[in-house]
C-alpha cells in the first residue's frame, strides 16, 4: 500500500475514534469534503479548526512517522495498540483499532486471546469491556 493511501486510511481510523469519542454525528464524519477542504486530511477536516496542532501531529507524526517505522510491523503495532487500549480501558478508541488490527493481519481469535491475556494484567473489567466492543466490531464485518 502506498504511503499516502496508508496515511489516509490511518487518518480515517483516527477520525472514526474521534467521532465515537466526541459523539459527533456519523453523517458528519462521512460527508464529502468541499473543494476547499479536498487537500486536507479527514483529521484536519474534523478537528483542525479547533485543535490544529493535534491534527497536524496526528497526520505528520503519529501516522506518517510512528506507524511507518520499520522496527515493528503494522500487525505488531496494532497488537501493541490494542493491548494498551484494553489496559487503559479506552473502548471508543479500541473499536477503531480492532478494525485496523484485522486489516493489519490479526485474526479475531488472536484478538480475543489478547483480550483474555490482558485480563490478567489490566483487570477483569477492562477485559470484559473489550469483549463487548470486540463482539460489536466482529459482527459488523
Protein backbone atom coordinates (compact mmCIF):
# COMPACT_ATOMS: atom_id res chain seq x y z
CA UNK A 1 0.00 0.00 0.00
CA UNK A 2 1.35 3.41 -0.90
CA UNK A 3 2.36 5.66 1.98
CA UNK A 4 -0.24 8.29 1.09
CA UNK A 5 -3.02 5.68 0.93
CA UNK A 6 -1.96 4.21 4.27
CA UNK A 7 -1.81 7.70 5.78
CA UNK A 8 -5.35 8.39 4.57
CA UNK A 9 -6.57 5.04 5.92
CA UNK A 10 -4.96 5.59 9.30
CA UNK A 11 -6.33 9.13 9.39
CA UNK A 12 -9.78 7.71 8.69
CA UNK A 13 -9.46 5.28 11.57
CA UNK A 14 -8.39 8.06 13.90
CA UNK A 15 -11.33 10.14 12.71
CA UNK A 16 -13.67 7.25 13.49
CA UNK A 17 -12.28 7.18 17.01
CA UNK A 18 -12.81 10.93 17.33
CA UNK A 19 -16.38 10.61 16.10
CA UNK A 20 -17.10 7.87 18.63
CA UNK A 21 -15.31 9.62 21.49
CA UNK A 22 -16.89 13.01 20.93
CA UNK A 23 -20.35 11.87 19.91
CA UNK A 24 -20.16 13.63 16.54
CA UNK A 25 -22.82 12.57 14.12
CA UNK A 26 -21.64 9.72 11.91
CA UNK A 27 -23.12 11.51 8.92
CA UNK A 28 -20.84 14.47 9.62
CA UNK A 29 -17.80 12.22 9.51
CA UNK A 30 -18.93 10.73 6.21
CA UNK A 31 -19.73 13.99 4.44
CA UNK A 32 -17.64 14.53 1.33
CA UNK A 33 -15.06 17.25 1.62
CA UNK A 34 -15.76 20.53 -0.08
CA UNK A 35 -13.47 21.72 -2.85
CA UNK A 36 -11.69 23.99 -0.37
CA UNK A 37 -11.15 21.12 2.05
CA UNK A 38 -10.18 18.48 -0.53
CA UNK A 39 -6.46 18.99 0.15
CA UNK A 40 -6.98 18.47 3.89
CA UNK A 41 -6.91 15.08 5.60
CA UNK A 42 -10.06 13.91 7.35
CA UNK A 43 -8.28 14.57 10.64
CA UNK A 44 -7.70 18.17 9.55
CA UNK A 45 -11.29 18.50 8.38
CA UNK A 46 -12.79 17.18 11.62
CA UNK A 47 -10.59 18.73 14.25
CA UNK A 48 -8.13 21.04 12.52
CA UNK A 49 -10.24 24.12 13.17
CA UNK A 50 -10.42 23.55 16.93
CA UNK A 51 -7.19 21.62 17.56
CA UNK A 52 -4.90 22.34 14.59
CA UNK A 53 -1.70 21.23 16.29
CA UNK A 54 -3.24 17.93 17.43
CA UNK A 55 -4.48 17.30 13.88
CA UNK A 56 -1.04 18.13 12.49
CA UNK A 57 0.71 15.83 14.98
CA UNK A 58 -1.77 13.06 14.23
CA UNK A 59 -1.15 13.24 10.49
CA UNK A 60 2.55 14.06 10.43
CA UNK A 61 3.95 12.31 13.47
CA UNK A 62 1.61 9.52 14.53
CA UNK A 63 0.60 8.21 11.10
CA UNK A 64 3.36 9.38 8.77
CA UNK A 65 6.23 8.61 11.18
CA UNK A 66 5.47 6.39 14.16
CA UNK A 67 3.17 3.91 12.40
CA UNK A 68 5.60 3.74 9.45
CA UNK A 69 8.79 2.96 11.38
CA UNK A 70 10.25 -0.36 10.17
CA UNK A 71 11.24 -1.71 13.60
CA UNK A 72 7.72 -3.09 14.16
CA UNK A 73 5.31 -4.37 11.55
CA UNK A 74 1.87 -2.79 11.19
CA UNK A 75 0.47 -6.02 12.68
CA UNK A 76 2.73 -5.75 15.73
CA UNK A 77 1.90 -2.07 16.19
CA UNK A 78 -1.80 -2.96 16.10
CA UNK A 79 -1.27 -5.67 18.72
CA UNK A 80 0.58 -3.24 20.99
CA UNK A 81 -2.04 -0.53 20.48
CA UNK A 82 -4.96 -2.87 21.15
CA UNK A 83 -3.24 -4.12 24.30
CA UNK A 84 -2.63 -0.58 25.54
CA UNK A 85 -6.21 0.44 24.85
CA UNK A 86 -7.51 -2.60 26.75
CA UNK A 87 -5.20 -1.80 29.67
CA UNK A 88 -6.28 1.83 29.70
CA UNK A 89 -9.95 0.87 29.29
CA UNK A 90 -10.47 3.09 26.25
CA UNK A 91 -13.41 1.40 24.47
CA UNK A 92 -14.07 4.18 21.94
CA UNK A 93 -10.54 4.07 20.58
CA UNK A 94 -10.38 0.28 20.91
CA UNK A 95 -13.24 -0.08 18.45
CA UNK A 96 -11.41 1.55 15.55
CA UNK A 97 -8.12 -0.12 16.42
CA UNK A 98 -9.73 -3.59 16.41
CA UNK A 99 -10.88 -2.87 12.87
CA UNK A 100 -7.37 -1.73 11.96
CA UNK A 101 -5.81 -4.75 13.68
CA UNK A 102 -7.88 -7.07 11.50
CA UNK A 103 -6.80 -5.11 8.42
CA UNK A 104 -3.20 -5.49 9.60
CA UNK A 105 -3.48 -9.29 9.72
CA UNK A 106 -4.60 -10.14 13.24
CA UNK A 107 -7.41 -12.68 13.38
CA UNK A 108 -10.48 -12.42 15.57
CA UNK A 109 -9.18 -15.44 17.51
CA UNK A 110 -5.86 -13.68 18.15
CA UNK A 111 -7.61 -10.50 19.25
CA UNK A 112 -9.86 -12.42 21.65
CA UNK A 113 -6.78 -14.19 23.03
CA UNK A 114 -5.14 -10.80 23.52
CA UNK A 115 -8.17 -9.61 25.49
CA UNK A 116 -8.10 -12.77 27.62
CA UNK A 117 -4.39 -12.38 28.27
CA UNK A 118 -4.80 -8.72 29.17
CA UNK A 119 -7.47 -9.59 31.76
CA UNK A 120 -4.67 -10.85 34.00
CA UNK A 121 -2.52 -7.75 33.52
CA UNK A 122 -5.01 -4.91 33.23
CA UNK A 123 -8.00 -6.21 35.14
CA UNK A 124 -11.17 -8.13 34.55
CA UNK A 125 -13.44 -5.09 34.00
CA UNK A 126 -11.19 -3.79 31.21
CA UNK A 127 -11.22 -7.18 29.52
CA UNK A 128 -14.99 -7.55 29.85
CA UNK A 129 -15.47 -4.12 28.29
CA UNK A 130 -13.07 -5.06 25.50
CA UNK A 131 -15.02 -8.27 24.79
CA UNK A 132 -18.22 -6.27 24.37
CA UNK A 133 -16.51 -3.94 21.89
CA UNK A 134 -14.91 -6.85 20.02
CA UNK A 135 -18.30 -8.58 19.74
CA UNK A 136 -19.77 -5.46 18.12
CA UNK A 137 -16.79 -4.98 15.77
CA UNK A 138 -16.71 -8.63 14.70
CA UNK A 139 -20.46 -8.60 14.00
CA UNK A 140 -20.06 -5.62 11.62
CA UNK A 141 -17.77 -7.49 9.22
